[in-house]
PDB file of N, CA and C in Angstrom:
ATOM      1  N   MET A   1     -14.823  -5.085  14.497  1.00  0.00           N
ATOM      2  CA  MET A   1     -14.022  -6.263  13.574  1.00  0.00           C
ATOM      3  C   MET A   1     -14.479  -6.098  12.238  1.00  0.00           C
ATOM      4  N   LEU A   2     -15.667  -5.180  12.232  1.00  0.00           N
ATOM      5  CA  LEU A   2     -16.357  -5.399  10.789  1.00  0.00           C
ATOM      6  C   LEU A   2     -15.234  -4.812   9.745  1.00  0.00           C
ATOM      7  N   THR A   3     -14.653  -3.299  10.519  1.00  0.00           N
ATOM      8  CA  THR A   3     -13.717  -2.894   9.264  1.00  0.00           C
ATOM      9  C   THR A   3     -12.795  -4.074   9.299  1.00  0.00           C
ATOM     10  N   ASN A   4     -12.423  -4.898   9.874  1.00  0.00           N
ATOM     11  CA  ASN A   4     -11.463  -5.864   9.653  1.00  0.00           C
ATOM     12  C   ASN A   4     -11.401  -6.887   8.348  1.00  0.00           C
ATOM     13  N   ALA A   5     -13.019  -7.113   8.318  1.00  0.00           N
ATOM     14  CA  ALA A   5     -13.720  -8.057   7.117  1.00  0.00           C
ATOM     15  C   ALA A   5     -13.507  -6.910   5.817  1.00  0.00           C
ATOM     16  N   PHE A   6     -14.558  -5.655   5.879  1.00  0.00           N
ATOM     17  CA  PHE A   6     -14.053  -5.089   4.832  1.00  0.00           C
ATOM     18  C   PHE A   6     -12.478  -4.473   4.442  1.00  0.00           C
ATOM     19  N   PHE A   7     -11.407  -4.419   5.641  1.00  0.00           N
ATOM     20  CA  PHE A   7      -9.982  -4.435   5.111  1.00  0.00           C
ATOM     21  C   PHE A   7      -9.821  -5.983   4.146  1.00  0.00           C
ATOM     22  N   ALA A   8     -10.139  -6.913   4.736  1.00  0.00           N
ATOM     23  CA  ALA A   8      -9.638  -8.067   4.280  1.00  0.00           C
ATOM     24  C   ALA A   8     -10.513  -8.153   2.735  1.00  0.00           C
ATOM     25  N   LEU A   9     -11.590  -7.705   2.781  1.00  0.00           N
ATOM     26  CA  LEU A   9     -12.191  -8.095   1.361  1.00  0.00           C
ATOM     27  C   LEU A   9     -11.682  -6.838   0.272  1.00  0.00           C
ATOM     28  N   SER A  10     -11.490  -5.855   0.584  1.00  0.00           N
ATOM     29  CA  SER A  10     -10.936  -4.862   0.052  1.00  0.00           C
ATOM     30  C   SER A  10      -9.888  -5.370  -1.222  1.00  0.00           C
ATOM     31  N   LEU A  11      -8.962  -6.369  -0.233  1.00  0.00           N
ATOM     32  CA  LEU A  11      -7.870  -6.571  -1.318  1.00  0.00           C
ATOM     33  C   LEU A  11      -8.520  -7.268  -2.383  1.00  0.00           C
ATOM     34  N   PHE A  12      -9.319  -8.197  -2.547  1.00  0.00           N
ATOM     35  CA  PHE A  12      -9.414  -8.774  -3.970  1.00  0.00           C
ATOM     36  C   PHE A  12      -9.997  -7.688  -5.084  1.00  0.00           C
ATOM     37  N   PRO A  13     -10.308  -6.611  -4.859  1.00  0.00           N
ATOM     38  CA  PRO A  13     -10.513  -5.553  -5.918  1.00  0.00           C
ATOM     39  C   PRO A  13      -9.353  -5.040  -6.311  1.00  0.00           C
ATOM     40  N   TYR A  14      -8.244  -4.788  -5.390  1.00  0.00           N
ATOM     41  CA  TYR A  14      -7.206  -4.335  -5.612  1.00  0.00           C
ATOM     42  C   TYR A  14      -6.082  -5.164  -6.388  1.00  0.00           C
ATOM     43  N   LEU A  15      -6.391  -6.634  -5.741  1.00  0.00           N
ATOM     44  CA  LEU A  15      -5.099  -7.586  -6.592  1.00  0.00           C
ATOM     45  C   LEU A  15      -5.745  -7.559  -8.263  1.00  0.00           C
ATOM     46  N   GLY A  16      -7.337  -7.526  -8.531  1.00  0.00           N
ATOM     47  CA  GLY A  16      -7.578  -7.686  -9.855  1.00  0.00           C
ATOM     48  C   GLY A  16      -7.134  -6.501 -10.084  1.00  0.00           C
ATOM     49  N   PHE A  17      -7.122  -5.178  -9.706  1.00  0.00           N
ATOM     50  CA  PHE A  17      -6.527  -3.975 -10.338  1.00  0.00           C
ATOM     51  C   PHE A  17      -4.861  -4.157 -10.707  1.00  0.00           C
ATOM     52  N   LEU A  18      -4.196  -4.682  -9.376  1.00  0.00           N
ATOM     53  CA  LEU A  18      -2.984  -4.906  -9.785  1.00  0.00           C
ATOM     54  C   LEU A  18      -2.703  -5.743 -11.032  1.00  0.00           C
ATOM     55  N   TYR A  19      -3.748  -7.280 -11.440  1.00  0.00           N
ATOM     56  CA  TYR A  19      -3.396  -7.867 -12.774  1.00  0.00           C
ATOM     57  C   TYR A  19      -3.750  -7.176 -13.857  1.00  0.00           C
ATOM     58  N   PHE A  20      -4.835  -6.075 -13.928  1.00  0.00           N
ATOM     59  CA  PHE A  20      -4.744  -5.522 -15.181  1.00  0.00           C
ATOM     60  C   PHE A  20      -3.888  -4.527 -15.222  1.00  0.00           C
ATOM     61  N   MET A  21      -3.483  -4.098 -14.551  1.00  0.00           N
ATOM     62  CA  MET A  21      -2.119  -3.056 -14.754  1.00  0.00           C
ATOM     63  C   MET A  21      -0.662  -3.530 -15.071  1.00  0.00           C
ATOM     64  N   THR A  22      -0.840  -5.073 -14.437  1.00  0.00           N
ATOM     65  CA  THR A  22       0.368  -5.449 -14.679  1.00  0.00           C
ATOM     66  C   THR A  22       0.184  -5.843 -16.503  1.00  0.00           C
ATOM     67  N   ARG A  23      -0.604  -6.070 -16.970  1.00  0.00           N
ATOM     68  CA  ARG A  23      -0.895  -6.766 -18.281  1.00  0.00           C
ATOM     69  C   ARG A  23      -0.789  -5.664 -18.772  1.00  0.00           C
ATOM     70  N   ASN A  24      -1.105  -4.483 -18.611  1.00  0.00           N
ATOM     71  CA  ASN A  24      -0.856  -3.445 -19.621  1.00  0.00           C
ATOM     72  C   ASN A  24       0.258  -3.106 -19.762  1.00  0.00           C
ATOM     73  N   PRO A  25       0.933  -3.312 -21.176  1.00  0.00           N
ATOM     74  CA  PRO A  25       2.149  -2.301 -21.618  1.00  0.00           C
ATOM     75  C   PRO A  25       2.233  -1.079 -21.636  1.00  0.00           C
ATOM     76  N   ASN A  26       1.498  -0.261 -21.111  1.00  0.00           N
ATOM     77  CA  ASN A  26       1.435   1.360 -21.296  1.00  0.00           C
ATOM     78  C   ASN A  26       1.627   1.646 -19.635  1.00  0.00           C
ATOM     79  N   THR A  27       1.638   0.629 -18.714  1.00  0.00           N
ATOM     80  CA  THR A  27       1.424   1.435 -17.258  1.00  0.00           C
ATOM     81  C   THR A  27       3.008   1.732 -17.049  1.00  0.00           C
ATOM     82  N   PRO A  28       3.340   2.872 -16.613  1.00  0.00           N
ATOM     83  CA  PRO A  28       4.887   2.817 -16.153  1.00  0.00           C
ATOM     84  C   PRO A  28       5.416   2.011 -14.949  1.00  0.00           C
ATOM     85  N   ARG A  29       6.464   1.684 -15.281  1.00  0.00           N
ATOM     86  CA  ARG A  29       7.353   0.545 -14.407  1.00  0.00           C
ATOM     87  C   ARG A  29       7.399   0.883 -12.764  1.00  0.00           C
ATOM     88  N   LEU A  30       7.675   1.943 -12.887  1.00  0.00           N
ATOM     89  CA  LEU A  30       8.091   2.766 -11.590  1.00  0.00           C
ATOM     90  C   LEU A  30       6.547   2.471 -10.767  1.00  0.00           C
ATOM     91  N   ALA A  31       5.792   3.382 -11.349  1.00  0.00           N
ATOM     92  CA  ALA A  31       4.363   3.616 -10.924  1.00  0.00           C
ATOM     93  C   ALA A  31       3.820   2.026 -10.640  1.00  0.00           C
ATOM     94  N   LEU A  32       4.322   0.887 -11.349  1.00  0.00           N
ATOM     95  CA  LEU A  32       3.615  -0.539 -10.885  1.00  0.00           C
ATOM     96  C   LEU A  32       4.408  -0.926  -9.636  1.00  0.00           C
ATOM     97  N   ILE A  33       5.652  -0.693  -9.421  1.00  0.00           N
ATOM     98  CA  ILE A  33       6.506  -0.950  -8.226  1.00  0.00           C
ATOM     99  C   ILE A  33       5.797  -0.181  -7.097  1.00  0.00           C
ATOM    100  N   GLY A  34       5.125   1.266  -7.239  1.00  0.00           N
ATOM    101  CA  GLY A  34       4.489   1.844  -6.019  1.00  0.00           C
ATOM    102  C   GLY A  34       3.321   0.947  -6.005  1.00  0.00           C
ATOM    103  N   PHE A  35       2.420   0.793  -6.966  1.00  0.00           N
ATOM    104  CA  PHE A  35       1.005  -0.121  -6.554  1.00  0.00           C
ATOM    105  C   PHE A  35       1.563  -1.458  -6.091  1.00  0.00           C
ATOM    106  N   TYR A  36       2.353  -2.056  -6.198  1.00  0.00           N
ATOM    107  CA  TYR A  36       2.736  -3.372  -5.593  1.00  0.00           C
ATOM    108  C   TYR A  36       3.109  -3.205  -4.139  1.00  0.00           C
ATOM    109  N   GLY A  37       3.628  -1.943  -4.161  1.00  0.00           N
ATOM    110  CA  GLY A  37       4.395  -1.592  -2.681  1.00  0.00           C
ATOM    111  C   GLY A  37       3.102  -1.119  -1.715  1.00  0.00           C
ATOM    112  N   THR A  38       2.128  -0.812  -2.196  1.00  0.00           N
ATOM    113  CA  THR A  38       0.938  -0.717  -1.744  1.00  0.00           C
ATOM    114  C   THR A  38       0.742  -2.325  -0.776  1.00  0.00           C
ATOM    115  N   LEU A  39       0.996  -2.988  -1.421  1.00  0.00           N
ATOM    116  CA  LEU A  39       0.702  -4.565  -0.607  1.00  0.00           C
ATOM    117  C   LEU A  39       1.541  -4.922   0.636  1.00  0.00           C
ATOM    118  N   VAL A  40       3.213  -4.206   0.234  1.00  0.00           N
ATOM    119  CA  VAL A  40       3.869  -4.147   1.210  1.00  0.00           C
ATOM    120  C   VAL A  40       3.248  -3.644   2.516  1.00  0.00           C
ATOM    121  N   PHE A  41       2.712  -2.134   1.964  1.00  0.00           N
ATOM    122  CA  PHE A  41       2.036  -1.299   3.140  1.00  0.00           C
ATOM    123  C   PHE A  41       1.207  -2.194   4.014  1.00  0.00           C
ATOM    124  N   VAL A  42       0.002  -3.072   2.925  1.00  0.00           N
ATOM    125  CA  VAL A  42      -0.745  -4.141   4.268  1.00  0.00           C
ATOM    126  C   VAL A  42      -0.185  -4.706   4.815  1.00  0.00           C
ATOM    127  N   ALA A  43       0.793  -5.605   4.099  1.00  0.00           N
ATOM    128  CA  ALA A  43       1.671  -6.805   4.391  1.00  0.00           C
ATOM    129  C   ALA A  43       2.022  -6.278   5.853  1.00  0.00           C
ATOM    130  N   VAL A  44       2.712  -5.170   6.329  1.00  0.00           N
ATOM    131  CA  VAL A  44       3.483  -4.419   7.348  1.00  0.00           C
ATOM    132  C   VAL A  44       2.330  -4.405   8.385  1.00  0.00           C
ATOM    133  N   THR A  45       0.736  -3.476   7.713  1.00  0.00           N
ATOM    134  CA  THR A  45       0.124  -2.933   8.748  1.00  0.00           C
ATOM    135  C   THR A  45      -0.698  -3.513   9.513  1.00  0.00           C
ATOM    136  N   ILE A  46      -1.030  -5.473   8.639  1.00  0.00           N
ATOM    137  CA  ILE A  46      -1.669  -6.111   9.562  1.00  0.00           C
ATOM    138  C   ILE A  46      -1.018  -6.720  11.056  1.00  0.00           C
ATOM    139  N   PRO A  47       0.162  -6.985  10.758  1.00  0.00           N
ATOM    140  CA  PRO A  47       0.723  -7.947  11.672  1.00  0.00           C
ATOM    141  C   PRO A  47       1.188  -6.711  12.930  1.00  0.00           C
ATOM    142  N   ALA A  48       1.413  -5.414  12.511  1.00  0.00           N
ATOM    143  CA  ALA A  48       1.839  -4.339  13.555  1.00  0.00           C
ATOM    144  C   ALA A  48       0.109  -3.751  13.879  1.00  0.00           C
ATOM    145  N   GLY A  49      -0.501  -4.148  13.750  1.00  0.00           N
ATOM    146  CA  GLY A  49      -1.798  -3.433  14.254  1.00  0.00           C
ATOM    147  C   GLY A  49      -2.465  -4.587  15.252  1.00  0.00           C
ATOM    148  N   LEU A  50      -1.640  -5.802  14.724  1.00  0.00           N
ATOM    149  CA  LEU A  50      -2.081  -6.926  15.970  1.00  0.00           C
ATOM    150  C   LEU A  50      -1.093  -6.944  17.018  1.00  0.00           C
ATOM    151  N   TYR A  51       0.309  -6.601  17.175  1.00  0.00           N
ATOM    152  CA  TYR A  51       1.079  -6.484  17.488  1.00  0.00           C
ATOM    153  C   TYR A  51       0.778  -5.538  18.918  1.00  0.00           C
ATOM    154  N   ALA A  52       0.173  -4.336  18.136  1.00  0.00           N
ATOM    155  CA  ALA A  52      -0.171  -2.565  19.025  1.00  0.00           C
ATOM    156  C   ALA A  52      -1.458  -3.399  19.690  1.00  0.00           C
ATOM    157  N   GLN A  53      -2.082  -4.322  19.625  1.00  0.00           N
ATOM    158  CA  GLN A  53      -3.671  -4.606  20.481  1.00  0.00           C
ATOM    159  C   GLN A  53      -3.016  -5.648  21.327  1.00  0.00           C
ATOM    160  N   GLN A  54      -2.119  -6.526  21.001  1.00  0.00           N
ATOM    161  CA  GLN A  54      -1.241  -7.538  22.025  1.00  0.00           C
ATOM    162  C   GLN A  54      -0.877  -6.797  23.123  1.00  0.00           C
ATOM    163  N   VAL A  55      -0.132  -6.422  22.383  1.00  0.00           N
ATOM    164  CA  VAL A  55       1.329  -5.604  23.505  1.00  0.00           C
ATOM    165  C   VAL A  55       1.117  -4.259  24.393  1.00  0.00           C
ATOM    166  N   TYR A  56       0.278  -3.183  23.501  1.00  0.00           N
ATOM    167  CA  TYR A  56      -0.373  -1.981  24.084  1.00  0.00           C
ATOM    168  C   TYR A  56      -1.775  -2.099  23.999  1.00  0.00           C
ATOM    169  N   GLY A  57      -2.517  -3.007  23.919  1.00  0.00           N
ATOM    170  CA  GLY A  57      -3.880  -3.253  24.158  1.00  0.00           C
ATOM    171  C   GLY A  57      -4.480  -2.135  23.472  1.00  0.00           C
ATOM    172  N   THR A  58      -4.311  -1.237  22.211  1.00  0.00           N
ATOM    173  CA  THR A  58      -4.407  -0.187  21.744  1.00  0.00           C
ATOM    174  C   THR A  58      -4.401  -0.488  20.175  1.00  0.00           C
ATOM    175  N   THR A  59      -5.225   0.470  19.195  1.00  0.00           N
ATOM    176  CA  THR A  59      -4.854   0.256  17.995  1.00  0.00           C
ATOM    177  C   THR A  59      -3.795   0.893  17.490  1.00  0.00           C
ATOM    178  N   LEU A  60      -3.165   0.167  16.008  1.00  0.00           N
ATOM    179  CA  LEU A  60      -2.251   0.827  15.830  1.00  0.00           C
ATOM    180  C   LEU A  60      -1.918   2.300  15.184  1.00  0.00           C
ATOM    181  N   ALA A  61      -2.696   2.996  15.413  1.00  0.00           N
ATOM    182  CA  ALA A  61      -2.865   4.441  14.867  1.00  0.00           C
ATOM    183  C   ALA A  61      -2.797   5.457  16.267  1.00  0.00           C
ATOM    184  N   ASN A  62      -2.892   4.709  17.283  1.00  0.00           N
ATOM    185  CA  ASN A  62      -2.319   5.169  19.227  1.00  0.00           C
ATOM    186  C   ASN A  62      -0.764   4.762  19.633  1.00  0.00           C
ATOM    187  N   VAL A  63      -0.299   3.751  18.227  1.00  0.00           N
ATOM    188  CA  VAL A  63       1.204   3.571  18.699  1.00  0.00           C
ATOM    189  C   VAL A  63       2.036   4.427  17.812  1.00  0.00           C
ATOM    190  N   ASP A  64       2.369   5.827  17.836  1.00  0.00           N
ATOM    191  CA  ASP A  64       3.535   6.127  17.043  1.00  0.00           C
ATOM    192  C   ASP A  64       4.343   5.372  16.607  1.00  0.00           C
ATOM    193  N   GLY A  65       5.337   5.037  17.198  1.00  0.00           N
ATOM    194  CA  GLY A  65       6.458   4.249  16.234  1.00  0.00           C
ATOM    195  C   GLY A  65       5.754   3.162  15.691  1.00  0.00           C
ATOM    196  N   LEU A  66       4.774   2.646  15.898  1.00  0.00           N
ATOM    197  CA  LEU A  66       4.672   1.455  15.197  1.00  0.00           C
ATOM    198  C   LEU A  66       3.418   1.971  13.879  1.00  0.00           C
ATOM    199  N   HIS A  67       2.758   2.748  13.956  1.00  0.00           N
ATOM    200  CA  HIS A  67       1.884   3.360  13.233  1.00  0.00           C
ATOM    201  C   HIS A  67       3.084   4.132  11.988  1.00  0.00           C
ATOM    202  N   GLY A  68       3.775   5.083  12.449  1.00  0.00           N
ATOM    203  CA  GLY A  68       4.852   5.730  11.230  1.00  0.00           C
ATOM    204  C   GLY A  68       5.331   5.050  10.742  1.00  0.00           C
ATOM    205  N   GLY A  69       5.755   3.721  11.310  1.00  0.00           N
ATOM    206  CA  GLY A  69       6.580   2.783  10.669  1.00  0.00           C
ATOM    207  C   GLY A  69       6.211   1.978   9.454  1.00  0.00           C
ATOM    208  N   ALA A  70       4.930   1.754   9.917  1.00  0.00           N
ATOM    209  CA  ALA A  70       3.810   1.425   8.612  1.00  0.00           C
ATOM    210  C   ALA A  70       3.405   2.393   7.526  1.00  0.00           C
ATOM    211  N   GLU A  71       3.483   3.805   7.851  1.00  0.00           N
ATOM    212  CA  GLU A  71       3.024   4.678   6.944  1.00  0.00           C
ATOM    213  C   GLU A  71       4.028   5.123   5.800  1.00  0.00           C
ATOM    214  N   PHE A  72       5.446   4.597   6.443  1.00  0.00           N
ATOM    215  CA  PHE A  72       6.527   5.097   5.723  1.00  0.00           C
ATOM    216  C   PHE A  72       6.439   3.860   4.441  1.00  0.00           C
ATOM    217  N   PHE A  73       5.712   2.997   4.542  1.00  0.00           N
ATOM    218  CA  PHE A  73       5.810   1.986   3.508  1.00  0.00           C
ATOM    219  C   PHE A  73       4.813   2.824   2.400  1.00  0.00           C
ATOM    220  N   LEU A  74       3.817   2.960   2.958  1.00  0.00           N
ATOM    221  CA  LEU A  74       2.769   3.571   2.178  1.00  0.00           C
ATOM    222  C   LEU A  74       2.851   5.231   1.117  1.00  0.00           C
ATOM    223  N   THR A  75       3.849   5.803   2.472  1.00  0.00           N
ATOM    224  CA  THR A  75       4.492   7.162   1.534  1.00  0.00           C
ATOM    225  C   THR A  75       5.538   6.644   0.151  1.00  0.00           C
ATOM    226  N   LEU A  76       6.356   5.526   0.770  1.00  0.00           N
ATOM    227  CA  LEU A  76       6.833   5.249  -0.333  1.00  0.00           C
ATOM    228  C   LEU A  76       6.584   4.699  -1.350  1.00  0.00           C
ATOM    229  N   ALA A  77       5.500   3.879  -1.146  1.00  0.00           N
ATOM    230  CA  ALA A  77       4.865   3.590  -2.806  1.00  0.00           C
ATOM    231  C   ALA A  77       4.196   4.365  -3.261  1.00  0.00           C
ATOM    232  N   ASN A  78       3.853   5.468  -2.630  1.00  0.00           N
ATOM    233  CA  ASN A  78       2.611   6.825  -3.269  1.00  0.00           C
ATOM    234  C   ASN A  78       3.502   7.415  -4.159  1.00  0.00           C
ATOM    235  N   ILE A  79       5.175   8.061  -3.515  1.00  0.00           N
ATOM    236  CA  ILE A  79       5.777   8.244  -4.258  1.00  0.00           C
ATOM    237  C   ILE A  79       6.522   7.801  -5.394  1.00  0.00           C
ATOM    238  N   LEU A  80       6.616   6.705  -5.299  1.00  0.00           N
ATOM    239  CA  LEU A  80       6.924   5.535  -6.676  1.00  0.00           C
ATOM    240  C   LEU A  80       5.941   5.743  -7.880  1.00  0.00           C
ATOM    241  N   ILE A  81       4.915   5.769  -7.298  1.00  0.00           N
ATOM    242  CA  ILE A  81       3.279   5.807  -8.282  1.00  0.00           C
ATOM    243  C   ILE A  81       3.489   7.200  -9.077  1.00  0.00           C
ATOM    244  N   ALA A  82       3.592   8.575  -8.016  1.00  0.00           N
ATOM    245  CA  ALA A  82       3.857   9.405  -8.917  1.00  0.00           C
ATOM    246  C   ALA A  82       5.111   9.714  -9.668  1.00  0.00           C
ATOM    247  N   LEU A  83       6.222   9.385  -8.967  1.00  0.00           N
ATOM    248  CA  LEU A  83       7.314   9.376  -9.820  1.00  0.00           C
ATOM    249  C   LEU A  83       7.034   8.676 -11.387  1.00  0.00           C
ATOM    250  N   GLY A  84       6.615   7.465 -11.268  1.00  0.00           N
ATOM    251  CA  GLY A  84       6.685   6.730 -12.540  1.00  0.00           C
ATOM    252  C   GLY A  84       5.688   7.659 -13.279  1.00  0.00           C
ATOM    253  N   PHE A  85       4.466   8.178 -12.934  1.00  0.00           N
ATOM    254  CA  PHE A  85       3.670   8.587 -13.590  1.00  0.00           C
ATOM    255  C   PHE A  85       4.146   9.978 -14.242  1.00  0.00           C
ATOM    256  N   ARG A  86       4.705  10.786 -13.590  1.00  0.00           N
ATOM    257  CA  ARG A  86       5.822  11.955 -13.993  1.00  0.00           C
ATOM    258  C   ARG A  86       6.531  11.639 -14.921  1.00  0.00           C
ATOM    259  N   ARG A  87       6.981  10.604 -14.726  1.00  0.00           N
ATOM    260  CA  ARG A  87       8.081  10.002 -15.862  1.00  0.00           C
ATOM    261  C   ARG A  87       7.232   9.636 -16.929  1.00  0.00           C
ATOM    262  N   ALA A  88       6.531   9.186 -17.217  1.00  0.00           N
ATOM    263  CA  ALA A  88       5.282   8.748 -18.030  1.00  0.00           C
ATOM    264  C   ALA A  88       5.178  10.045 -19.234  1.00  0.00           C
ATOM    265  N   LEU A  89       4.522  10.813 -18.497  1.00  0.00           N
ATOM    266  CA  LEU A  89       3.978  12.148 -18.670  1.00  0.00           C
ATOM    267  C   LEU A  89       5.476  12.657 -19.495  1.00  0.00           C
ATOM    268  N   ARG A  90       6.630  12.939 -19.032  1.00  0.00           N
ATOM    269  CA  ARG A  90       7.403  13.531 -19.786  1.00  0.00           C
ATOM    270  C   ARG A  90       8.204  13.003 -20.888  1.00  0.00           C
ATOM    271  N   GLU A  91       7.939  11.789 -21.007  1.00  0.00           N
ATOM    272  CA  GLU A  91       8.365  10.936 -21.941  1.00  0.00           C
ATOM    273  C   GLU A  91       7.470  10.893 -23.228  1.00  0.00           C
ATOM    274  N   SER A  92       6.180  10.840 -22.862  1.00  0.00           N
ATOM    275  CA  SER A  92       4.884  11.175 -23.843  1.00  0.00           C
ATOM    276  C   SER A  92       5.367  12.708 -24.517  1.00  0.00           C
ATOM    277  N   SER A  93       6.028  13.238 -23.671  1.00  0.00           N
ATOM    278  CA  SER A  93       5.746  15.271 -24.537  1.00  0.00           C
ATOM    279  C   SER A  93       6.444  15.165 -25.611  1.00  0.00           C
TER     280      SER A  93
END
């Protein structure tokens, strides 16, 4: 259960990161949407993990359907971040 505490505590620095990225006018909008999408991943992962533990008696990583569904949100967020910075680099050239 120590990992759950670290997971929860890691949200505070990330929220600080989002605060400063949001205030920076140079942050690409699409990338910022992706960074916020990472919070969607967290919001989906926590209940999915609890569901996996209660229904299947195992961790989220061991329930392929739930794990894949949760990871989809992380993949989508990462794509948005990459595309946002790619667009910003192309526009600056």
